[in-house]
Amino acid sequence: MSQRIDTQQMLETFRANHRDPRNLAMHAVGFWFVARALKRLVTGHLFTAAVNLGAGLALLVGGHEIEGTDAFSIFRQARRQMSEGDGGGAAARVGP
């Protein structure tokens, strides 16, 4: 069973959701916080890892709120493409 994802369509969706420079700036800082959280997690600093992860994710989602786009549309699109490509033979599906 081959599940194909239309990468060109997903790339176009990604570009359409990341046009505002404020969103891109918030993403840059957000990804820095997420990377810092992973480093803190590896070194055993669980509380600061959680705080950094929360701040990073808030910046990532907040950038999309400023731009007015759905932060998770690319994941929904991939899930929809995968569910359409399996011919209805999936054992379980999550979501709509």
PDB file of N, CA and C in Angstrom:
ATOM      1  N   MET A   1       0.843  -1.161   0.000  1.00  0.00           N
ATOM      2  CA  MET A   1       0.000   0.000   0.000  1.00  0.00           C
ATOM      3  C   MET A   1       0.896   1.234   0.000  1.00  0.00           C
ATOM      4  N   SER A   2       0.787   2.015  -1.036  1.00  0.00           N
ATOM      5  CA  SER A   2       1.604   3.203  -1.189  1.00  0.00           C
ATOM      6  C   SER A   2       0.766   4.435  -0.862  1.00  0.00           C
ATOM      7  N   GLN A   3       1.271   5.266   0.016  1.00  0.00           N
ATOM      8  CA  GLN A   3       0.588   6.498   0.362  1.00  0.00           C
ATOM      9  C   GLN A   3       1.410   7.653  -0.176  1.00  0.00           C
ATOM     10  N   ARG A   4       0.842   8.357  -1.144  1.00  0.00           N
ATOM     11  CA  ARG A   4       1.563   9.452  -1.775  1.00  0.00           C
ATOM     12  C   ARG A   4       1.022  10.782  -1.264  1.00  0.00           C
ATOM     13  N   ILE A   5       1.924  11.695  -1.027  1.00  0.00           N
ATOM     14  CA  ILE A   5       1.560  13.041  -0.608  1.00  0.00           C
ATOM     15  C   ILE A   5       2.007  13.993  -1.705  1.00  0.00           C
ATOM     16  N   ASP A   6       1.123  14.871  -2.099  1.00  0.00           N
ATOM     17  CA  ASP A   6       1.438  15.855  -3.131  1.00  0.00           C
ATOM     18  C   ASP A   6       2.314  16.943  -2.508  1.00  0.00           C
ATOM     19  N   THR A   7       3.616  16.785  -2.645  1.00  0.00           N
ATOM     20  CA  THR A   7       4.547  17.714  -2.002  1.00  0.00           C
ATOM     21  C   THR A   7       4.473  19.108  -2.613  1.00  0.00           C
ATOM     22  N   GLN A   8       4.184  19.205  -3.894  1.00  0.00           N
ATOM     23  CA  GLN A   8       4.075  20.518  -4.529  1.00  0.00           C
ATOM     24  C   GLN A   8       2.920  21.311  -3.923  1.00  0.00           C
ATOM     25  N   GLN A   9       1.785  20.655  -3.741  1.00  0.00           N
ATOM     26  CA  GLN A   9       0.628  21.320  -3.150  1.00  0.00           C
ATOM     27  C   GLN A   9       0.921  21.714  -1.701  1.00  0.00           C
ATOM     28  N   MET A  10       1.599  20.867  -0.973  1.00  0.00           N
ATOM     29  CA  MET A  10       1.922  21.177   0.420  1.00  0.00           C
ATOM     30  C   MET A  10       2.904  22.345   0.499  1.00  0.00           C
ATOM     31  N   LEU A  11       3.858  22.408  -0.422  1.00  0.00           N
ATOM     32  CA  LEU A  11       4.806  23.516  -0.446  1.00  0.00           C
ATOM     33  C   LEU A  11       4.086  24.828  -0.744  1.00  0.00           C
ATOM     34  N   GLU A  12       3.124  24.789  -1.665  1.00  0.00           N
ATOM     35  CA  GLU A  12       2.352  25.991  -1.971  1.00  0.00           C
ATOM     36  C   GLU A  12       1.534  26.436  -0.753  1.00  0.00           C
ATOM     37  N   THR A  13       0.965  25.480  -0.028  1.00  0.00           N
ATOM     38  CA  THR A  13       0.216  25.811   1.184  1.00  0.00           C
ATOM     39  C   THR A  13       1.136  26.424   2.226  1.00  0.00           C
ATOM     40  N   PHE A  14       2.327  25.857   2.394  1.00  0.00           N
ATOM     41  CA  PHE A  14       3.295  26.385   3.357  1.00  0.00           C
ATOM     42  C   PHE A  14       3.670  27.819   2.997  1.00  0.00           C
ATOM     43  N   ARG A  15       3.965  28.070   1.726  1.00  0.00           N
ATOM     44  CA  ARG A  15       4.338  29.427   1.305  1.00  0.00           C
ATOM     45  C   ARG A  15       3.195  30.412   1.496  1.00  0.00           C
ATOM     46  N   ALA A  16       1.973  29.968   1.219  1.00  0.00           N
ATOM     47  CA  ALA A  16       0.814  30.855   1.379  1.00  0.00           C
ATOM     48  C   ALA A  16       0.584  31.213   2.843  1.00  0.00           C
ATOM     49  N   ASN A  17       0.960  30.336   3.760  1.00  0.00           N
ATOM     50  CA  ASN A  17       0.752  30.569   5.194  1.00  0.00           C
ATOM     51  C   ASN A  17       1.909  31.295   5.865  1.00  0.00           C
ATOM     52  N   HIS A  18       2.946  31.628   5.118  1.00  0.00           N
ATOM     53  CA  HIS A  18       4.128  32.269   5.712  1.00  0.00           C
ATOM     54  C   HIS A  18       4.587  33.459   4.868  1.00  0.00           C
ATOM     55  N   ARG A  19       3.698  34.403   4.640  1.00  0.00           N
ATOM     56  CA  ARG A  19       4.027  35.577   3.827  1.00  0.00           C
ATOM     57  C   ARG A  19       4.345  36.811   4.672  1.00  0.00           C
ATOM     58  N   ASP A  20       3.747  36.919   5.816  1.00  0.00           N
ATOM     59  CA  ASP A  20       3.916  38.103   6.668  1.00  0.00           C
ATOM     60  C   ASP A  20       5.287  38.062   7.351  1.00  0.00           C
ATOM     61  N   PRO A  21       6.077  39.135   7.232  1.00  0.00           N
ATOM     62  CA  PRO A  21       7.403  39.153   7.863  1.00  0.00           C
ATOM     63  C   PRO A  21       7.351  39.002   9.387  1.00  0.00           C
ATOM     64  N   ARG A  22       6.268  39.469  10.012  1.00  0.00           N
ATOM     65  CA  ARG A  22       6.139  39.300  11.465  1.00  0.00           C
ATOM     66  C   ARG A  22       5.989  37.827  11.820  1.00  0.00           C
ATOM     67  N   ASN A  23       5.247  37.105  11.010  1.00  0.00           N
ATOM     68  CA  ASN A  23       5.085  35.666  11.223  1.00  0.00           C
ATOM     69  C   ASN A  23       6.433  34.967  11.076  1.00  0.00           C
ATOM     70  N   LEU A  24       7.190  35.330  10.051  1.00  0.00           N
ATOM     71  CA  LEU A  24       8.502  34.713   9.842  1.00  0.00           C
ATOM     72  C   LEU A  24       9.453  35.029  11.000  1.00  0.00           C
ATOM     73  N   ALA A  25       9.411  36.260  11.502  1.00  0.00           N
ATOM     74  CA  ALA A  25      10.268  36.634  12.629  1.00  0.00           C
ATOM     75  C   ALA A  25       9.873  35.853  13.879  1.00  0.00           C
ATOM     76  N   MET A  26       8.574  35.732  14.114  1.00  0.00           N
ATOM     77  CA  MET A  26       8.118  34.969  15.277  1.00  0.00           C
ATOM     78  C   MET A  26       8.478  33.493  15.139  1.00  0.00           C
ATOM     79  N   HIS A  27       8.455  32.973  13.915  1.00  0.00           N
ATOM     80  CA  HIS A  27       8.862  31.589  13.686  1.00  0.00           C
ATOM     81  C   HIS A  27      10.351  31.399  13.992  1.00  0.00           C
ATOM     82  N   ALA A  28      11.172  32.354  13.565  1.00  0.00           N
ATOM     83  CA  ALA A  28      12.610  32.236  13.819  1.00  0.00           C
ATOM     84  C   ALA A  28      12.893  32.175  15.316  1.00  0.00           C
ATOM     85  N   VAL A  29      12.272  33.068  16.072  1.00  0.00           N
ATOM     86  CA  VAL A  29      12.468  33.086  17.522  1.00  0.00           C
ATOM     87  C   VAL A  29      11.831  31.849  18.157  1.00  0.00           C
ATOM     88  N   GLY A  30      10.665  31.457  17.660  1.00  0.00           N
ATOM     89  CA  GLY A  30       9.981  30.281  18.195  1.00  0.00           C
ATOM     90  C   GLY A  30      10.787  29.010  18.007  1.00  0.00           C
ATOM     91  N   PHE A  31      11.364  28.848  16.827  1.00  0.00           N
ATOM     92  CA  PHE A  31      12.189  27.660  16.587  1.00  0.00           C
ATOM     93  C   PHE A  31      13.438  27.672  17.457  1.00  0.00           C
ATOM     94  N   TRP A  32      13.972  28.882  17.728  1.00  0.00           N
ATOM     95  CA  TRP A  32      15.132  28.976  18.623  1.00  0.00           C
ATOM     96  C   TRP A  32      14.755  28.496  20.018  1.00  0.00           C
ATOM     97  N   PHE A  33      13.575  28.903  20.503  1.00  0.00           N
ATOM     98  CA  PHE A  33      13.113  28.459  21.818  1.00  0.00           C
ATOM     99  C   PHE A  33      12.886  26.942  21.851  1.00  0.00           C
ATOM    100  N   VAL A  34      12.325  26.381  20.784  1.00  0.00           N
ATOM    101  CA  VAL A  34      12.097  24.936  20.731  1.00  0.00           C
ATOM    102  C   VAL A  34      13.440  24.195  20.747  1.00  0.00           C
ATOM    103  N   ALA A  35      14.418  24.673  19.977  1.00  0.00           N
ATOM    104  CA  ALA A  35      15.742  24.042  19.974  1.00  0.00           C
ATOM    105  C   ALA A  35      16.388  24.149  21.359  1.00  0.00           C
ATOM    106  N   ARG A  36      16.220  25.295  21.991  1.00  0.00           N
ATOM    107  CA  ARG A  36      16.763  25.478  23.338  1.00  0.00           C
ATOM    108  C   ARG A  36      16.077  24.534  24.330  1.00  0.00           C
ATOM    109  N   ALA A  37      14.774  24.322  24.138  1.00  0.00           N
ATOM    110  CA  ALA A  37      14.036  23.398  25.007  1.00  0.00           C
ATOM    111  C   ALA A  37      14.575  21.980  24.861  1.00  0.00           C
ATOM    112  N   LEU A  38      14.866  21.573  23.632  1.00  0.00           N
ATOM    113  CA  LEU A  38      15.418  20.226  23.425  1.00  0.00           C
ATOM    114  C   LEU A  38      16.778  20.087  24.097  1.00  0.00           C
ATOM    115  N   LYS A  39      17.586  21.146  24.012  1.00  0.00           N
ATOM    116  CA  LYS A  39      18.889  21.115  24.672  1.00  0.00           C
ATOM    117  C   LYS A  39      18.714  21.008  26.188  1.00  0.00           C
ATOM    118  N   ARG A  40      17.796  21.789  26.737  1.00  0.00           N
ATOM    119  CA  ARG A  40      17.544  21.741  28.181  1.00  0.00           C
ATOM    120  C   ARG A  40      17.011  20.371  28.605  1.00  0.00           C
ATOM    121  N   LEU A  41      16.195  19.777  27.767  1.00  0.00           N
ATOM    122  CA  LEU A  41      15.646  18.458  28.073  1.00  0.00           C
ATOM    123  C   LEU A  41      16.753  17.411  28.130  1.00  0.00           C
ATOM    124  N   VAL A  42      17.674  17.478  27.190  1.00  0.00           N
ATOM    125  CA  VAL A  42      18.788  16.526  27.157  1.00  0.00           C
ATOM    126  C   VAL A  42      19.694  16.690  28.373  1.00  0.00           C
ATOM    127  N   THR A  43      19.872  17.926  28.818  1.00  0.00           N
ATOM    128  CA  THR A  43      20.756  18.163  29.962  1.00  0.00           C
ATOM    129  C   THR A  43      20.055  18.004  31.301  1.00  0.00           C
ATOM    130  N   GLY A  44      18.767  17.639  31.285  1.00  0.00           N
ATOM    131  CA  GLY A  44      18.068  17.340  32.522  1.00  0.00           C
ATOM    132  C   GLY A  44      17.370  18.497  33.198  1.00  0.00           C
ATOM    133  N   HIS A  45      17.251  19.619  32.551  1.00  0.00           N
ATOM    134  CA  HIS A  45      16.570  20.783  33.117  1.00  0.00           C
ATOM    135  C   HIS A  45      15.117  20.771  32.637  1.00  0.00           C
ATOM    136  N   LEU A  46      14.291  19.965  33.264  1.00  0.00           N
ATOM    137  CA  LEU A  46      12.934  19.725  32.783  1.00  0.00           C
ATOM    138  C   LEU A  46      12.043  20.965  32.849  1.00  0.00           C
ATOM    139  N   PHE A  47      12.128  21.716  33.939  1.00  0.00           N
ATOM    140  CA  PHE A  47      11.268  22.890  34.067  1.00  0.00           C
ATOM    141  C   PHE A  47      11.587  23.931  32.994  1.00  0.00           C
ATOM    142  N   THR A  48      12.864  24.263  32.832  1.00  0.00           N
ATOM    143  CA  THR A  48      13.217  25.263  31.819  1.00  0.00           C
ATOM    144  C   THR A  48      12.950  24.731  30.410  1.00  0.00           C
ATOM    145  N   ALA A  49      13.055  23.419  30.221  1.00  0.00           N
ATOM    146  CA  ALA A  49      12.716  22.838  28.925  1.00  0.00           C
ATOM    147  C   ALA A  49      11.231  23.053  28.635  1.00  0.00           C
ATOM    148  N   ALA A  50      10.394  22.824  29.629  1.00  0.00           N
ATOM    149  CA  ALA A  50       8.948  23.009  29.447  1.00  0.00           C
ATOM    150  C   ALA A  50       8.606  24.476  29.183  1.00  0.00           C
ATOM    151  N   VAL A  51       9.255  25.382  29.906  1.00  0.00           N
ATOM    152  CA  VAL A  51       8.993  26.817  29.715  1.00  0.00           C
ATOM    153  C   VAL A  51       9.427  27.247  28.319  1.00  0.00           C
ATOM    154  N   ASN A  52      10.608  26.824  27.893  1.00  0.00           N
ATOM    155  CA  ASN A  52      11.090  27.189  26.564  1.00  0.00           C
ATOM    156  C   ASN A  52      10.225  26.580  25.463  1.00  0.00           C
ATOM    157  N   LEU A  53       9.793  25.348  25.656  1.00  0.00           N
ATOM    158  CA  LEU A  53       8.934  24.711  24.657  1.00  0.00           C
ATOM    159  C   LEU A  53       7.595  25.447  24.569  1.00  0.00           C
ATOM    160  N   GLY A  54       7.026  25.782  25.699  1.00  0.00           N
ATOM    161  CA  GLY A  54       5.770  26.527  25.699  1.00  0.00           C
ATOM    162  C   GLY A  54       5.900  27.881  25.017  1.00  0.00           C
ATOM    163  N   ALA A  55       6.983  28.585  25.317  1.00  0.00           N
ATOM    164  CA  ALA A  55       7.206  29.894  24.693  1.00  0.00           C
ATOM    165  C   ALA A  55       7.406  29.754  23.192  1.00  0.00           C
ATOM    166  N   GLY A  56       8.165  28.748  22.786  1.00  0.00           N
ATOM    167  CA  GLY A  56       8.405  28.539  21.362  1.00  0.00           C
ATOM    168  C   GLY A  56       7.138  28.207  20.603  1.00  0.00           C
ATOM    169  N   LEU A  57       6.342  27.299  21.153  1.00  0.00           N
ATOM    170  CA  LEU A  57       5.095  26.933  20.485  1.00  0.00           C
ATOM    171  C   LEU A  57       4.117  28.107  20.464  1.00  0.00           C
ATOM    172  N   ALA A  58       4.097  28.894  21.533  1.00  0.00           N
ATOM    173  CA  ALA A  58       3.228  30.076  21.565  1.00  0.00           C
ATOM    174  C   ALA A  58       3.623  31.072  20.471  1.00  0.00           C
ATOM    175  N   LEU A  59       4.913  31.260  20.271  1.00  0.00           N
ATOM    176  CA  LEU A  59       5.368  32.163  19.211  1.00  0.00           C
ATOM    177  C   LEU A  59       5.026  31.622  17.825  1.00  0.00           C
ATOM    178  N   LEU A  60       5.164  30.311  17.638  1.00  0.00           N
ATOM    179  CA  LEU A  60       4.847  29.713  16.341  1.00  0.00           C
ATOM    180  C   LEU A  60       3.367  29.869  16.015  1.00  0.00           C
ATOM    181  N   VAL A  61       2.518  29.545  16.966  1.00  0.00           N
ATOM    182  CA  VAL A  61       1.074  29.655  16.737  1.00  0.00           C
ATOM    183  C   VAL A  61       0.660  31.129  16.681  1.00  0.00           C
ATOM    184  N   GLY A  62       1.259  31.949  17.529  1.00  0.00           N
ATOM    185  CA  GLY A  62       0.944  33.377  17.537  1.00  0.00           C
ATOM    186  C   GLY A  62       1.270  34.065  16.219  1.00  0.00           C
ATOM    187  N   GLY A  63       2.321  33.640  15.566  1.00  0.00           N
ATOM    188  CA  GLY A  63       2.648  34.200  14.255  1.00  0.00           C
ATOM    189  C   GLY A  63       1.546  33.955  13.245  1.00  0.00           C
ATOM    190  N   HIS A  64       0.956  32.785  13.314  1.00  0.00           N
ATOM    191  CA  HIS A  64      -0.143  32.478  12.403  1.00  0.00           C
ATOM    192  C   HIS A  64      -1.400  33.259  12.773  1.00  0.00           C
ATOM    193  N   GLU A  65      -1.591  33.507  14.062  1.00  0.00           N
ATOM    194  CA  GLU A  65      -2.733  34.312  14.479  1.00  0.00           C
ATOM    195  C   GLU A  65      -2.601  35.733  13.935  1.00  0.00           C
ATOM    196  N   ILE A  66      -1.401  36.297  13.979  1.00  0.00           N
ATOM    197  CA  ILE A  66      -1.167  37.635  13.437  1.00  0.00           C
ATOM    198  C   ILE A  66      -1.431  37.651  11.937  1.00  0.00           C
ATOM    199  N   GLU A  67      -0.970  36.613  11.254  1.00  0.00           N
ATOM    200  CA  GLU A  67      -1.138  36.556   9.803  1.00  0.00           C
ATOM    201  C   GLU A  67      -2.569  36.186   9.404  1.00  0.00           C
ATOM    202  N   GLY A  68      -3.280  35.529  10.300  1.00  0.00           N
ATOM    203  CA  GLY A  68      -4.651  35.136  10.004  1.00  0.00           C
ATOM    204  C   GLY A  68      -4.748  33.817   9.261  1.00  0.00           C
ATOM    205  N   THR A  69      -3.749  32.949   9.442  1.00  0.00           N
ATOM    206  CA  THR A  69      -3.760  31.644   8.783  1.00  0.00           C
ATOM    207  C   THR A  69      -3.808  30.540   9.828  1.00  0.00           C
ATOM    208  N   ASP A  70      -4.165  29.351   9.377  1.00  0.00           N
ATOM    209  CA  ASP A  70      -4.258  28.195  10.257  1.00  0.00           C
ATOM    210  C   ASP A  70      -2.860  27.623  10.479  1.00  0.00           C
ATOM    211  N   ALA A  71      -2.453  27.534  11.727  1.00  0.00           N
ATOM    212  CA  ALA A  71      -1.110  27.046  12.043  1.00  0.00           C
ATOM    213  C   ALA A  71      -0.922  25.576  11.721  1.00  0.00           C
ATOM    214  N   PHE A  72      -2.006  24.814  11.678  1.00  0.00           N
ATOM    215  CA  PHE A  72      -1.893  23.368  11.506  1.00  0.00           C
ATOM    216  C   PHE A  72      -2.457  22.880  10.180  1.00  0.00           C
ATOM    217  N   SER A  73      -2.686  23.781   9.238  1.00  0.00           N
ATOM    218  CA  SER A  73      -3.302  23.386   7.970  1.00  0.00           C
ATOM    219  C   SER A  73      -2.444  22.404   7.189  1.00  0.00           C
ATOM    220  N   ILE A  74      -1.136  22.526   7.272  1.00  0.00           N
ATOM    221  CA  ILE A  74      -0.258  21.632   6.511  1.00  0.00           C
ATOM    222  C   ILE A  74      -0.377  20.200   7.021  1.00  0.00           C
ATOM    223  N   PHE A  75      -0.559  20.037   8.337  1.00  0.00           N
ATOM    224  CA  PHE A  75      -0.718  18.700   8.901  1.00  0.00           C
ATOM    225  C   PHE A  75      -2.077  18.109   8.549  1.00  0.00           C
ATOM    226  N   ARG A  76      -3.118  18.956   8.569  1.00  0.00           N
ATOM    227  CA  ARG A  76      -4.450  18.482   8.182  1.00  0.00           C
ATOM    228  C   ARG A  76      -4.467  18.067   6.718  1.00  0.00           C
ATOM    229  N   GLN A  77      -3.786  18.840   5.886  1.00  0.00           N
ATOM    230  CA  GLN A  77      -3.725  18.527   4.461  1.00  0.00           C
ATOM    231  C   GLN A  77      -3.001  17.203   4.229  1.00  0.00           C
ATOM    232  N   ALA A  78      -1.907  16.974   4.924  1.00  0.00           N
ATOM    233  CA  ALA A  78      -1.167  15.710   4.775  1.00  0.00           C
ATOM    234  C   ALA A  78      -2.021  14.533   5.234  1.00  0.00           C
ATOM    235  N   ARG A  79      -2.714  14.697   6.351  1.00  0.00           N
ATOM    236  CA  ARG A  79      -3.557  13.613   6.855  1.00  0.00           C
ATOM    237  C   ARG A  79      -4.691  13.319   5.872  1.00  0.00           C
ATOM    238  N   ARG A  80      -5.279  14.368   5.300  1.00  0.00           N
ATOM    239  CA  ARG A  80      -6.357  14.179   4.337  1.00  0.00           C
ATOM    240  C   ARG A  80      -5.847  13.456   3.092  1.00  0.00           C
ATOM    241  N   GLN A  81      -4.678  13.844   2.598  1.00  0.00           N
ATOM    242  CA  GLN A  81      -4.113  13.190   1.418  1.00  0.00           C
ATOM    243  C   GLN A  81      -3.794  11.730   1.698  1.00  0.00           C
ATOM    244  N   MET A  82      -3.290  11.444   2.884  1.00  0.00           N
ATOM    245  CA  MET A  82      -2.967  10.060   3.221  1.00  0.00           C
ATOM    246  C   MET A  82      -4.229   9.224   3.363  1.00  0.00           C
ATOM    247  N   SER A  83      -5.296   9.796   3.930  1.00  0.00           N
ATOM    248  CA  SER A  83      -6.525   9.021   4.097  1.00  0.00           C
ATOM    249  C   SER A  83      -7.220   8.805   2.753  1.00  0.00           C
ATOM    250  N   GLU A  84      -7.094   9.735   1.830  1.00  0.00           N
ATOM    251  CA  GLU A  84      -7.674   9.556   0.503  1.00  0.00           C
ATOM    252  C   GLU A  84      -6.886   8.542  -0.317  1.00  0.00           C
ATOM    253  N   GLY A  85      -5.597   8.444  -0.061  1.00  0.00           N
ATOM    254  CA  GLY A  85      -4.735   7.563  -0.847  1.00  0.00           C
ATOM    255  C   GLY A  85      -4.753   6.112  -0.413  1.00  0.00           C
ATOM    256  N   ASP A  86      -5.359   5.794   0.745  1.00  0.00           N
ATOM    257  CA  ASP A  86      -5.296   4.410   1.216  1.00  0.00           C
ATOM    258  C   ASP A  86      -6.443   3.555   0.699  1.00  0.00           C
ATOM    259  N   GLY A  87      -7.364   4.129  -0.065  1.00  0.00           N
ATOM    260  CA  GLY A  87      -8.444   3.360  -0.635  1.00  0.00           C
ATOM    261  C   GLY A  87      -9.460   2.897   0.390  1.00  0.00           C
ATOM    262  N   GLY A  88      -9.495   3.523   1.546  1.00  0.00           N
ATOM    263  CA  GLY A  88     -10.461   3.142   2.572  1.00  0.00           C
ATOM    264  C   GLY A  88     -10.047   1.953   3.385  1.00  0.00           C
ATOM    265  N   GLY A  89      -8.809   1.498   3.263  1.00  0.00           N
ATOM    266  CA  GLY A  89      -8.375   0.304   3.965  1.00  0.00           C
ATOM    267  C   GLY A  89      -7.701   0.551   5.286  1.00  0.00           C
ATOM    268  N   ALA A  90      -7.753   1.769   5.782  1.00  0.00           N
ATOM    269  CA  ALA A  90      -7.097   2.065   7.055  1.00  0.00           C
ATOM    270  C   ALA A  90      -7.878   1.431   8.199  1.00  0.00           C
ATOM    271  N   ALA A  91      -7.147   0.929   9.174  1.00  0.00           N
ATOM    272  CA  ALA A  91      -7.793   0.285  10.320  1.00  0.00           C
ATOM    273  C   ALA A  91      -8.463   1.305  11.215  1.00  0.00           C
ATOM    274  N   ALA A  92      -7.835   2.452  11.405  1.00  0.00           N
ATOM    275  CA  ALA A  92      -8.413   3.486  12.271  1.00  0.00           C
ATOM    276  C   ALA A  92      -8.021   4.840  11.720  1.00  0.00           C
ATOM    277  N   ARG A  93      -8.933   5.790  11.852  1.00  0.00           N
ATOM    278  CA  ARG A  93      -8.656   7.146  11.421  1.00  0.00           C
ATOM    279  C   ARG A  93      -8.895   8.100  12.575  1.00  0.00           C
ATOM    280  N   VAL A  94      -8.094   9.139  12.631  1.00  0.00           N
ATOM    281  CA  VAL A  94      -8.249  10.135  13.674  1.00  0.00           C
ATOM    282  C   VAL A  94      -8.774  11.400  13.036  1.00  0.00           C
ATOM    283  N   GLY A  95      -9.797  11.960  13.632  1.00  0.00           N
ATOM    284  CA  GLY A  95     -10.322  13.232  13.148  1.00  0.00           C
ATOM    285  C   GLY A  95     -11.314  13.062  12.019  1.00  0.00           C
ATOM    286  N   PRO A  96     -11.674  14.210  11.395  1.00  0.00           N
ATOM    287  CA  PRO A  96     -12.696  14.194  10.336  1.00  0.00           C
ATOM    288  C   PRO A  96     -12.245  13.554   9.056  1.00  0.00           C
TER     289      PRO A  96
END
